[in-house]
Amino acid sequence: FTHPGQVGSCQIDLIWKQPYEYFQPMRAAVQQRAALLPYLYNSAREAFDFGVSLMRPLYYYHPEDDMAYANNMNGDFTSYYFGKDLIAAPVVTPVDKSTNLANTRIWLPSGDWIERTSGAEIKSPANGSFVVHDWDITEVPTYVKAGAIIPLTWDSSPGNTIGTSATAYDTLEFEIYP
């Protein structure tokens, strides 16, 4: 299947055509993204006003840290700022066949961070620190800067389970990170 507006040979990954074991985590990730639409809207406005990207390399905010520029072919150093308060670190390494977990090394810049899924607090020293973790297919490593307030919308009514970008937000929720 190729989207009519698509050029080239790249295929669109239709999550509903995936095996159930992959469909559920993919759907959950899309729902998490949909919940973040108010945060994304604020970040898009900031991008418009100041000319910064929604996805920002770590060196935008930490130009003095050599690790903010790091890269390799092992799947380490995939982190980027998603807006100004979140760091996303996509897992791009294969899973261990015996544990079905993917091991990653994620560098966090200096400061206080909260792992969004577990709530674990991480105090990263002046030169940053590494978080080594095994991730399940259902987890998307995301870290929130301490002091951030993340606006969310959760609309799980029928027909709105994947997103509500076409309708007004009836309610907003806020995740407040001390």
N, C-alpha and C. Protein backbone atom coordinates (compact mmCIF):
# COMPACT_ATOMS: atom_id res chain seq x y z
N PHE A 1 0.83 -1.18 0.00
CA PHE A 1 0.00 0.00 0.00
C PHE A 1 0.87 1.24 0.00
N THR A 2 0.66 2.12 -0.92
CA THR A 2 1.36 3.38 -0.98
C THR A 2 0.33 4.50 -0.94
N HIS A 3 0.57 5.46 -0.09
CA HIS A 3 -0.31 6.62 0.03
C HIS A 3 -0.29 7.40 -1.28
N PRO A 4 -1.46 7.88 -1.77
CA PRO A 4 -1.51 8.59 -3.04
C PRO A 4 -0.60 9.80 -3.13
N GLY A 5 -0.35 10.49 -2.01
CA GLY A 5 0.49 11.67 -2.04
C GLY A 5 1.96 11.37 -1.80
N GLN A 6 2.27 10.10 -1.70
CA GLN A 6 3.64 9.70 -1.36
C GLN A 6 4.48 9.53 -2.62
N VAL A 7 5.70 10.01 -2.56
CA VAL A 7 6.61 9.89 -3.69
C VAL A 7 7.70 8.89 -3.29
N GLY A 8 8.12 8.07 -4.22
CA GLY A 8 9.19 7.11 -3.92
C GLY A 8 8.63 5.76 -3.52
N SER A 9 9.50 4.95 -2.93
CA SER A 9 9.10 3.58 -2.63
C SER A 9 8.87 3.33 -1.15
N CYS A 10 8.91 4.35 -0.31
CA CYS A 10 8.71 4.18 1.12
C CYS A 10 7.26 3.80 1.41
N GLN A 11 7.08 2.83 2.26
CA GLN A 11 5.74 2.38 2.60
C GLN A 11 5.29 3.01 3.93
N ILE A 12 4.02 3.31 4.04
CA ILE A 12 3.46 3.80 5.29
C ILE A 12 3.15 2.59 6.15
N ASP A 13 3.53 2.65 7.41
CA ASP A 13 3.30 1.55 8.33
C ASP A 13 1.92 1.70 8.94
N LEU A 14 0.96 0.92 8.47
CA LEU A 14 -0.41 0.98 8.98
C LEU A 14 -0.50 0.09 10.20
N ILE A 15 -0.67 0.71 11.37
CA ILE A 15 -0.59 -0.07 12.59
C ILE A 15 -1.68 -1.13 12.69
N TRP A 16 -2.84 -0.89 12.10
CA TRP A 16 -3.92 -1.87 12.18
C TRP A 16 -3.66 -3.10 11.32
N LYS A 17 -2.63 -3.06 10.50
CA LYS A 17 -2.27 -4.23 9.71
C LYS A 17 -1.13 -5.03 10.33
N GLN A 18 -0.69 -4.62 11.51
CA GLN A 18 0.41 -5.29 12.18
C GLN A 18 -0.12 -6.44 13.04
N PRO A 19 0.72 -7.42 13.35
CA PRO A 19 0.31 -8.46 14.28
C PRO A 19 -0.11 -7.84 15.61
N TYR A 20 -1.04 -8.49 16.29
CA TYR A 20 -1.61 -7.94 17.51
C TYR A 20 -0.55 -7.58 18.54
N GLU A 21 0.49 -8.40 18.67
CA GLU A 21 1.54 -8.14 19.65
C GLU A 21 2.25 -6.80 19.40
N TYR A 22 2.24 -6.32 18.16
CA TYR A 22 2.84 -5.03 17.83
C TYR A 22 1.79 -3.93 17.73
N PHE A 23 0.58 -4.31 17.36
CA PHE A 23 -0.49 -3.32 17.21
C PHE A 23 -0.76 -2.59 18.52
N GLN A 24 -0.89 -3.34 19.62
CA GLN A 24 -1.22 -2.72 20.90
C GLN A 24 -0.18 -1.69 21.35
N PRO A 25 1.12 -2.01 21.35
CA PRO A 25 2.10 -0.98 21.73
C PRO A 25 2.13 0.20 20.77
N MET A 26 1.95 -0.06 19.48
CA MET A 26 1.95 1.04 18.51
C MET A 26 0.75 1.95 18.75
N ARG A 27 -0.39 1.35 19.01
CA ARG A 27 -1.59 2.13 19.27
C ARG A 27 -1.43 2.95 20.55
N ALA A 28 -0.87 2.35 21.58
CA ALA A 28 -0.64 3.07 22.83
C ALA A 28 0.29 4.27 22.62
N ALA A 29 1.31 4.10 21.79
CA ALA A 29 2.22 5.21 21.49
C ALA A 29 1.50 6.33 20.75
N VAL A 30 0.63 5.97 19.82
CA VAL A 30 -0.14 6.99 19.09
C VAL A 30 -1.10 7.70 20.03
N GLN A 31 -1.70 6.95 20.95
CA GLN A 31 -2.60 7.57 21.93
C GLN A 31 -1.85 8.52 22.86
N GLN A 32 -0.64 8.14 23.26
CA GLN A 32 0.17 9.03 24.09
C GLN A 32 0.49 10.32 23.34
N ARG A 33 0.82 10.18 22.07
CA ARG A 33 1.09 11.37 21.26
C ARG A 33 -0.16 12.24 21.15
N ALA A 34 -1.31 11.61 20.95
CA ALA A 34 -2.56 12.37 20.86
C ALA A 34 -2.85 13.10 22.18
N ALA A 35 -2.55 12.47 23.30
CA ALA A 35 -2.76 13.11 24.60
C ALA A 35 -1.86 14.34 24.74
N LEU A 36 -0.72 14.32 24.08
CA LEU A 36 0.24 15.43 24.17
C LEU A 36 -0.09 16.58 23.21
N LEU A 37 -1.20 16.53 22.50
CA LEU A 37 -1.51 17.58 21.52
C LEU A 37 -1.49 18.99 22.11
N PRO A 38 -2.02 19.24 23.31
CA PRO A 38 -1.90 20.61 23.85
C PRO A 38 -0.44 21.02 24.06
N TYR A 39 0.39 20.10 24.52
CA TYR A 39 1.83 20.38 24.67
C TYR A 39 2.45 20.64 23.30
N LEU A 40 2.09 19.83 22.32
CA LEU A 40 2.61 20.01 20.96
C LEU A 40 2.16 21.34 20.37
N TYR A 41 0.93 21.71 20.65
CA TYR A 41 0.44 23.01 20.16
C TYR A 41 1.30 24.14 20.72
N ASN A 42 1.55 24.10 22.04
CA ASN A 42 2.39 25.13 22.67
C ASN A 42 3.79 25.13 22.06
N SER A 43 4.34 23.94 21.84
CA SER A 43 5.68 23.83 21.25
C SER A 43 5.69 24.32 19.81
N ALA A 44 4.62 24.05 19.06
CA ALA A 44 4.53 24.53 17.68
C ALA A 44 4.44 26.06 17.66
N ARG A 45 3.73 26.62 18.62
CA ARG A 45 3.65 28.08 18.69
C ARG A 45 5.03 28.68 19.00
N GLU A 46 5.74 28.04 19.92
CA GLU A 46 7.09 28.48 20.23
C GLU A 46 8.00 28.36 19.00
N ALA A 47 7.82 27.28 18.24
CA ALA A 47 8.60 27.10 17.00
C ALA A 47 8.30 28.22 16.01
N PHE A 48 7.04 28.57 15.89
CA PHE A 48 6.64 29.65 14.98
C PHE A 48 7.21 30.99 15.43
N ASP A 49 7.06 31.29 16.72
CA ASP A 49 7.49 32.59 17.24
C ASP A 49 9.00 32.77 17.22
N PHE A 50 9.75 31.68 17.49
CA PHE A 50 11.20 31.82 17.68
C PHE A 50 12.03 31.07 16.65
N GLY A 51 11.39 30.35 15.74
CA GLY A 51 12.12 29.67 14.68
C GLY A 51 12.90 28.44 15.14
N VAL A 52 12.47 27.83 16.23
CA VAL A 52 13.11 26.60 16.70
C VAL A 52 12.27 25.40 16.27
N SER A 53 12.88 24.27 16.19
CA SER A 53 12.19 23.05 15.78
C SER A 53 11.40 22.44 16.93
N LEU A 54 10.41 21.63 16.62
CA LEU A 54 9.72 20.86 17.66
C LEU A 54 10.67 19.81 18.24
N MET A 55 11.43 19.17 17.37
CA MET A 55 12.44 18.20 17.78
C MET A 55 13.78 18.92 17.77
N ARG A 56 14.40 19.01 18.94
CA ARG A 56 15.61 19.82 19.06
C ARG A 56 16.77 18.96 19.55
N PRO A 57 17.90 19.08 18.90
CA PRO A 57 19.07 18.33 19.39
C PRO A 57 19.45 18.81 20.79
N LEU A 58 20.07 17.93 21.54
CA LEU A 58 20.45 18.27 22.91
C LEU A 58 21.38 19.48 22.97
N TYR A 59 22.19 19.65 21.93
CA TYR A 59 23.14 20.77 21.98
C TYR A 59 22.47 22.13 21.84
N TYR A 60 21.20 22.21 21.48
CA TYR A 60 20.50 23.49 21.48
C TYR A 60 20.54 24.11 22.87
N TYR A 61 20.32 23.28 23.89
CA TYR A 61 20.25 23.77 25.26
C TYR A 61 21.53 23.50 26.06
N HIS A 62 22.41 22.64 25.52
CA HIS A 62 23.63 22.27 26.25
C HIS A 62 24.83 22.32 25.31
N PRO A 63 25.12 23.47 24.71
CA PRO A 63 26.21 23.54 23.73
C PRO A 63 27.59 23.30 24.34
N GLU A 64 27.70 23.46 25.65
CA GLU A 64 29.00 23.28 26.31
C GLU A 64 29.31 21.81 26.61
N ASP A 65 28.32 20.92 26.51
CA ASP A 65 28.50 19.50 26.81
C ASP A 65 28.85 18.72 25.56
N ASP A 66 30.03 18.11 25.53
CA ASP A 66 30.44 17.30 24.38
C ASP A 66 29.46 16.17 24.10
N MET A 67 28.88 15.60 25.15
CA MET A 67 27.96 14.47 24.97
C MET A 67 26.68 14.89 24.25
N ALA A 68 26.35 16.15 24.27
CA ALA A 68 25.16 16.63 23.57
C ALA A 68 25.32 16.49 22.06
N TYR A 69 26.55 16.32 21.59
CA TYR A 69 26.84 16.18 20.16
C TYR A 69 27.10 14.72 19.76
N ALA A 70 27.11 13.82 20.75
CA ALA A 70 27.53 12.43 20.52
C ALA A 70 26.59 11.69 19.58
N ASN A 71 27.18 10.74 18.86
CA ASN A 71 26.42 9.90 17.94
C ASN A 71 27.23 8.64 17.68
N ASN A 72 26.56 7.54 17.45
CA ASN A 72 27.23 6.32 17.00
C ASN A 72 26.24 5.42 16.30
N MET A 73 26.70 4.32 15.79
CA MET A 73 25.84 3.41 15.03
C MET A 73 25.28 2.27 15.89
N ASN A 74 25.47 2.34 17.21
CA ASN A 74 25.00 1.27 18.09
C ASN A 74 23.62 1.53 18.65
N GLY A 75 23.01 2.64 18.30
CA GLY A 75 21.69 2.97 18.83
C GLY A 75 21.74 3.79 20.11
N ASP A 76 22.95 4.15 20.54
CA ASP A 76 23.07 5.05 21.69
C ASP A 76 22.89 6.48 21.18
N PHE A 77 22.62 7.38 22.08
CA PHE A 77 22.57 8.81 21.76
C PHE A 77 21.45 9.17 20.78
N THR A 78 20.29 8.56 20.96
CA THR A 78 19.15 8.88 20.11
C THR A 78 18.29 10.00 20.71
N SER A 79 18.68 10.50 21.85
CA SER A 79 17.86 11.47 22.58
C SER A 79 17.75 12.80 21.86
N TYR A 80 16.60 13.42 22.04
CA TYR A 80 16.37 14.77 21.53
C TYR A 80 15.30 15.43 22.39
N TYR A 81 15.34 16.74 22.43
CA TYR A 81 14.28 17.48 23.10
C TYR A 81 13.04 17.45 22.22
N PHE A 82 11.91 17.21 22.83
CA PHE A 82 10.61 17.25 22.16
C PHE A 82 9.88 18.42 22.81
N GLY A 83 9.98 19.59 22.18
CA GLY A 83 9.58 20.81 22.87
C GLY A 83 10.69 21.16 23.85
N LYS A 84 10.38 22.03 24.81
CA LYS A 84 11.44 22.47 25.71
C LYS A 84 11.51 21.69 27.02
N ASP A 85 10.52 20.87 27.31
CA ASP A 85 10.48 20.20 28.61
C ASP A 85 10.62 18.68 28.57
N LEU A 86 10.54 18.08 27.41
CA LEU A 86 10.62 16.61 27.31
C LEU A 86 11.87 16.20 26.54
N ILE A 87 12.48 15.13 26.98
CA ILE A 87 13.53 14.47 26.20
C ILE A 87 13.00 13.09 25.84
N ALA A 88 12.95 12.82 24.56
CA ALA A 88 12.56 11.50 24.06
C ALA A 88 13.84 10.77 23.64
N ALA A 89 13.86 9.48 23.87
CA ALA A 89 15.04 8.67 23.52
C ALA A 89 14.56 7.39 22.84
N PRO A 90 14.27 7.45 21.56
CA PRO A 90 13.75 6.27 20.86
C PRO A 90 14.68 5.06 21.00
N VAL A 91 14.08 3.91 21.20
CA VAL A 91 14.84 2.66 21.27
C VAL A 91 14.98 2.13 19.85
N VAL A 92 16.22 2.04 19.38
CA VAL A 92 16.48 1.59 18.01
C VAL A 92 17.41 0.37 17.99
N THR A 93 17.56 -0.25 19.15
CA THR A 93 18.41 -1.44 19.23
C THR A 93 17.53 -2.69 19.25
N PRO A 94 18.03 -3.79 18.73
CA PRO A 94 17.23 -5.03 18.74
C PRO A 94 17.02 -5.54 20.16
N VAL A 95 15.95 -6.30 20.33
CA VAL A 95 15.68 -6.89 21.64
C VAL A 95 16.54 -8.13 21.83
N ASP A 96 16.82 -8.41 23.09
CA ASP A 96 17.49 -9.64 23.45
C ASP A 96 16.47 -10.77 23.30
N LYS A 97 16.81 -11.81 22.57
CA LYS A 97 15.86 -12.89 22.29
C LYS A 97 15.41 -13.62 23.55
N SER A 98 16.27 -13.68 24.58
CA SER A 98 15.90 -14.42 25.79
C SER A 98 15.01 -13.60 26.72
N THR A 99 15.19 -12.26 26.75
CA THR A 99 14.40 -11.43 27.67
C THR A 99 13.31 -10.63 26.97
N ASN A 100 13.42 -10.50 25.66
CA ASN A 100 12.50 -9.68 24.86
C ASN A 100 12.55 -8.20 25.28
N LEU A 101 13.73 -7.78 25.76
CA LEU A 101 13.95 -6.39 26.16
C LEU A 101 15.11 -5.82 25.36
N ALA A 102 15.05 -4.52 25.10
CA ALA A 102 16.14 -3.83 24.41
C ALA A 102 16.90 -2.99 25.43
N ASN A 103 18.20 -3.14 25.46
CA ASN A 103 19.04 -2.41 26.39
C ASN A 103 19.54 -1.14 25.72
N THR A 104 19.41 -0.01 26.43
CA THR A 104 19.88 1.27 25.89
C THR A 104 20.70 2.01 26.94
N ARG A 105 21.53 2.89 26.45
CA ARG A 105 22.29 3.84 27.25
C ARG A 105 21.84 5.22 26.82
N ILE A 106 21.21 5.94 27.72
CA ILE A 106 20.66 7.25 27.39
C ILE A 106 21.41 8.30 28.20
N TRP A 107 21.95 9.30 27.50
CA TRP A 107 22.63 10.39 28.18
C TRP A 107 21.63 11.49 28.49
N LEU A 108 21.60 11.90 29.76
CA LEU A 108 20.75 13.03 30.17
C LEU A 108 21.64 14.19 30.56
N PRO A 109 21.32 15.39 30.09
CA PRO A 109 22.10 16.56 30.47
C PRO A 109 21.95 16.86 31.96
N SER A 110 22.74 17.77 32.44
CA SER A 110 22.70 18.12 33.86
C SER A 110 21.32 18.66 34.23
N GLY A 111 20.95 18.39 35.47
CA GLY A 111 19.67 18.85 35.97
C GLY A 111 18.89 17.72 36.59
N ASP A 112 17.68 18.04 37.01
CA ASP A 112 16.79 17.05 37.61
C ASP A 112 15.77 16.63 36.57
N TRP A 113 15.63 15.32 36.40
CA TRP A 113 14.76 14.73 35.39
C TRP A 113 13.85 13.70 36.03
N ILE A 114 12.69 13.51 35.44
CA ILE A 114 11.76 12.49 35.90
C ILE A 114 11.45 11.59 34.71
N GLU A 115 11.62 10.29 34.90
CA GLU A 115 11.24 9.33 33.86
C GLU A 115 9.72 9.30 33.84
N ARG A 116 9.14 9.63 32.71
CA ARG A 116 7.70 9.84 32.63
C ARG A 116 6.89 8.59 32.94
N THR A 117 7.32 7.43 32.48
CA THR A 117 6.52 6.23 32.69
C THR A 117 6.59 5.71 34.12
N SER A 118 7.76 5.77 34.76
CA SER A 118 7.90 5.19 36.10
C SER A 118 7.84 6.23 37.21
N GLY A 119 8.10 7.50 36.88
CA GLY A 119 8.15 8.53 37.90
C GLY A 119 9.49 8.59 38.63
N ALA A 120 10.45 7.77 38.19
CA ALA A 120 11.77 7.76 38.84
C ALA A 120 12.46 9.11 38.65
N GLU A 121 13.02 9.61 39.74
CA GLU A 121 13.74 10.89 39.69
C GLU A 121 15.21 10.63 39.44
N ILE A 122 15.78 11.42 38.54
CA ILE A 122 17.18 11.29 38.18
C ILE A 122 17.85 12.64 38.36
N LYS A 123 18.87 12.66 39.19
CA LYS A 123 19.66 13.89 39.40
C LYS A 123 20.94 13.73 38.59
N SER A 124 21.01 14.46 37.51
CA SER A 124 22.15 14.37 36.61
C SER A 124 23.17 15.45 36.97
N PRO A 125 24.44 15.07 37.21
CA PRO A 125 25.44 16.06 37.62
C PRO A 125 25.79 17.06 36.53
N ALA A 126 26.71 17.94 36.83
CA ALA A 126 27.07 19.04 35.93
C ALA A 126 27.47 18.59 34.54
N ASN A 127 28.10 17.43 34.40
CA ASN A 127 28.51 16.97 33.07
C ASN A 127 27.54 15.96 32.48
N GLY A 128 26.35 15.82 33.08
CA GLY A 128 25.35 14.87 32.59
C GLY A 128 25.60 13.48 33.13
N SER A 129 24.71 12.57 32.81
CA SER A 129 24.85 11.19 33.27
C SER A 129 24.16 10.25 32.30
N PHE A 130 24.54 8.98 32.41
CA PHE A 130 23.93 7.95 31.58
C PHE A 130 22.89 7.18 32.37
N VAL A 131 21.81 6.86 31.71
CA VAL A 131 20.81 5.96 32.26
C VAL A 131 20.88 4.70 31.41
N VAL A 132 21.17 3.58 32.05
CA VAL A 132 21.21 2.30 31.35
C VAL A 132 19.97 1.55 31.78
N HIS A 133 19.19 1.11 30.81
CA HIS A 133 17.88 0.55 31.12
C HIS A 133 17.50 -0.48 30.07
N ASP A 134 16.74 -1.48 30.49
CA ASP A 134 16.13 -2.44 29.57
C ASP A 134 14.69 -2.01 29.33
N TRP A 135 14.31 -1.93 28.06
CA TRP A 135 12.99 -1.42 27.70
C TRP A 135 12.16 -2.51 27.04
N ASP A 136 10.92 -2.56 27.40
CA ASP A 136 9.93 -3.43 26.78
C ASP A 136 9.40 -2.74 25.53
N ILE A 137 8.82 -3.48 24.64
CA ILE A 137 8.29 -2.90 23.39
C ILE A 137 7.19 -1.86 23.67
N THR A 138 6.56 -1.93 24.84
CA THR A 138 5.47 -1.00 25.15
C THR A 138 5.96 0.32 25.72
N GLU A 139 7.26 0.44 25.98
CA GLU A 139 7.78 1.64 26.63
C GLU A 139 8.50 2.56 25.65
N VAL A 140 8.22 3.84 25.78
CA VAL A 140 8.92 4.87 25.01
C VAL A 140 9.68 5.73 26.02
N PRO A 141 11.00 5.62 26.07
CA PRO A 141 11.75 6.39 27.05
C PRO A 141 11.55 7.89 26.87
N THR A 142 10.96 8.49 27.89
CA THR A 142 10.69 9.93 27.88
C THR A 142 11.03 10.49 29.25
N TYR A 143 11.77 11.58 29.25
CA TYR A 143 12.19 12.22 30.49
C TYR A 143 11.67 13.64 30.51
N VAL A 144 11.18 14.06 31.68
CA VAL A 144 10.60 15.38 31.84
C VAL A 144 11.51 16.21 32.73
N LYS A 145 11.74 17.44 32.31
CA LYS A 145 12.55 18.37 33.11
C LYS A 145 11.79 18.71 34.40
N ALA A 146 12.48 18.62 35.53
CA ALA A 146 11.85 18.99 36.80
C ALA A 146 11.34 20.43 36.71
N GLY A 147 10.15 20.66 37.24
CA GLY A 147 9.54 21.98 37.21
C GLY A 147 8.61 22.18 36.02
N ALA A 148 8.55 21.20 35.12
CA ALA A 148 7.71 21.33 33.92
C ALA A 148 6.24 21.09 34.26
N ILE A 149 5.39 21.74 33.50
CA ILE A 149 3.95 21.50 33.54
C ILE A 149 3.55 21.10 32.13
N ILE A 150 3.07 19.88 31.97
CA ILE A 150 2.74 19.33 30.66
C ILE A 150 1.22 19.29 30.50
N PRO A 151 0.66 20.09 29.59
CA PRO A 151 -0.79 20.03 29.35
C PRO A 151 -1.13 18.82 28.49
N LEU A 152 -2.22 18.15 28.84
CA LEU A 152 -2.65 16.94 28.14
C LEU A 152 -4.15 16.98 27.90
N THR A 153 -4.59 16.20 26.95
CA THR A 153 -6.01 15.95 26.77
C THR A 153 -6.18 14.44 26.67
N TRP A 154 -7.15 13.93 27.38
CA TRP A 154 -7.45 12.49 27.34
C TRP A 154 -8.90 12.35 26.97
N ASP A 155 -9.18 12.02 25.74
CA ASP A 155 -10.56 11.80 25.31
C ASP A 155 -10.66 10.38 24.79
N SER A 156 -11.18 9.50 25.62
CA SER A 156 -11.27 8.10 25.22
C SER A 156 -12.67 7.70 24.78
N SER A 157 -13.52 8.69 24.49
CA SER A 157 -14.86 8.35 24.03
C SER A 157 -14.79 7.73 22.64
N PRO A 158 -15.78 6.89 22.28
CA PRO A 158 -15.74 6.24 20.96
C PRO A 158 -15.59 7.25 19.83
N GLY A 159 -14.71 6.93 18.92
CA GLY A 159 -14.46 7.81 17.79
C GLY A 159 -13.34 8.80 18.03
N ASN A 160 -12.95 8.97 19.28
CA ASN A 160 -11.88 9.91 19.61
C ASN A 160 -10.71 9.23 20.30
N THR A 161 -10.53 7.95 20.08
CA THR A 161 -9.52 7.21 20.82
C THR A 161 -8.10 7.46 20.32
N ILE A 162 -7.93 7.97 19.12
CA ILE A 162 -6.59 8.19 18.60
C ILE A 162 -6.21 9.66 18.62
N GLY A 163 -7.14 10.55 18.70
CA GLY A 163 -6.77 11.96 18.74
C GLY A 163 -7.97 12.85 18.69
N THR A 164 -7.80 14.06 19.14
CA THR A 164 -8.89 15.02 19.16
C THR A 164 -8.46 16.34 18.52
N SER A 165 -7.53 16.29 17.60
CA SER A 165 -7.00 17.53 17.04
C SER A 165 -8.04 18.30 16.21
N ALA A 166 -9.08 17.62 15.75
CA ALA A 166 -10.07 18.30 14.91
C ALA A 166 -11.19 18.92 15.74
N THR A 167 -11.20 18.68 17.03
CA THR A 167 -12.26 19.22 17.87
C THR A 167 -11.64 20.03 19.00
N ALA A 168 -12.46 20.90 19.57
CA ALA A 168 -11.99 21.71 20.70
C ALA A 168 -11.75 20.82 21.92
N TYR A 169 -10.81 21.20 22.74
CA TYR A 169 -10.56 20.45 23.96
C TYR A 169 -11.63 20.81 24.98
N ASP A 170 -12.38 19.81 25.43
CA ASP A 170 -13.38 20.07 26.46
C ASP A 170 -12.72 20.17 27.83
N THR A 171 -11.73 19.34 28.04
CA THR A 171 -11.02 19.36 29.31
C THR A 171 -9.53 19.20 29.05
N LEU A 172 -8.76 19.82 29.90
CA LEU A 172 -7.31 19.65 29.87
C LEU A 172 -6.89 19.08 31.20
N GLU A 173 -5.88 18.26 31.16
CA GLU A 173 -5.25 17.78 32.37
C GLU A 173 -3.81 18.28 32.35
N PHE A 174 -3.21 18.34 33.52
CA PHE A 174 -1.84 18.80 33.62
C PHE A 174 -1.03 17.81 34.42
N GLU A 175 0.11 17.45 33.88
CA GLU A 175 1.09 16.68 34.63
C GLU A 175 2.07 17.72 35.16
N ILE A 176 2.20 17.78 36.49
CA ILE A 176 3.07 18.77 37.13
C ILE A 176 4.24 18.01 37.75
N TYR A 177 5.42 18.39 37.34
CA TYR A 177 6.64 17.73 37.81
C TYR A 177 7.39 18.68 38.73
N PRO A 178 7.53 18.32 40.01
CA PRO A 178 8.18 19.21 40.97
C PRO A 178 9.66 19.41 40.70
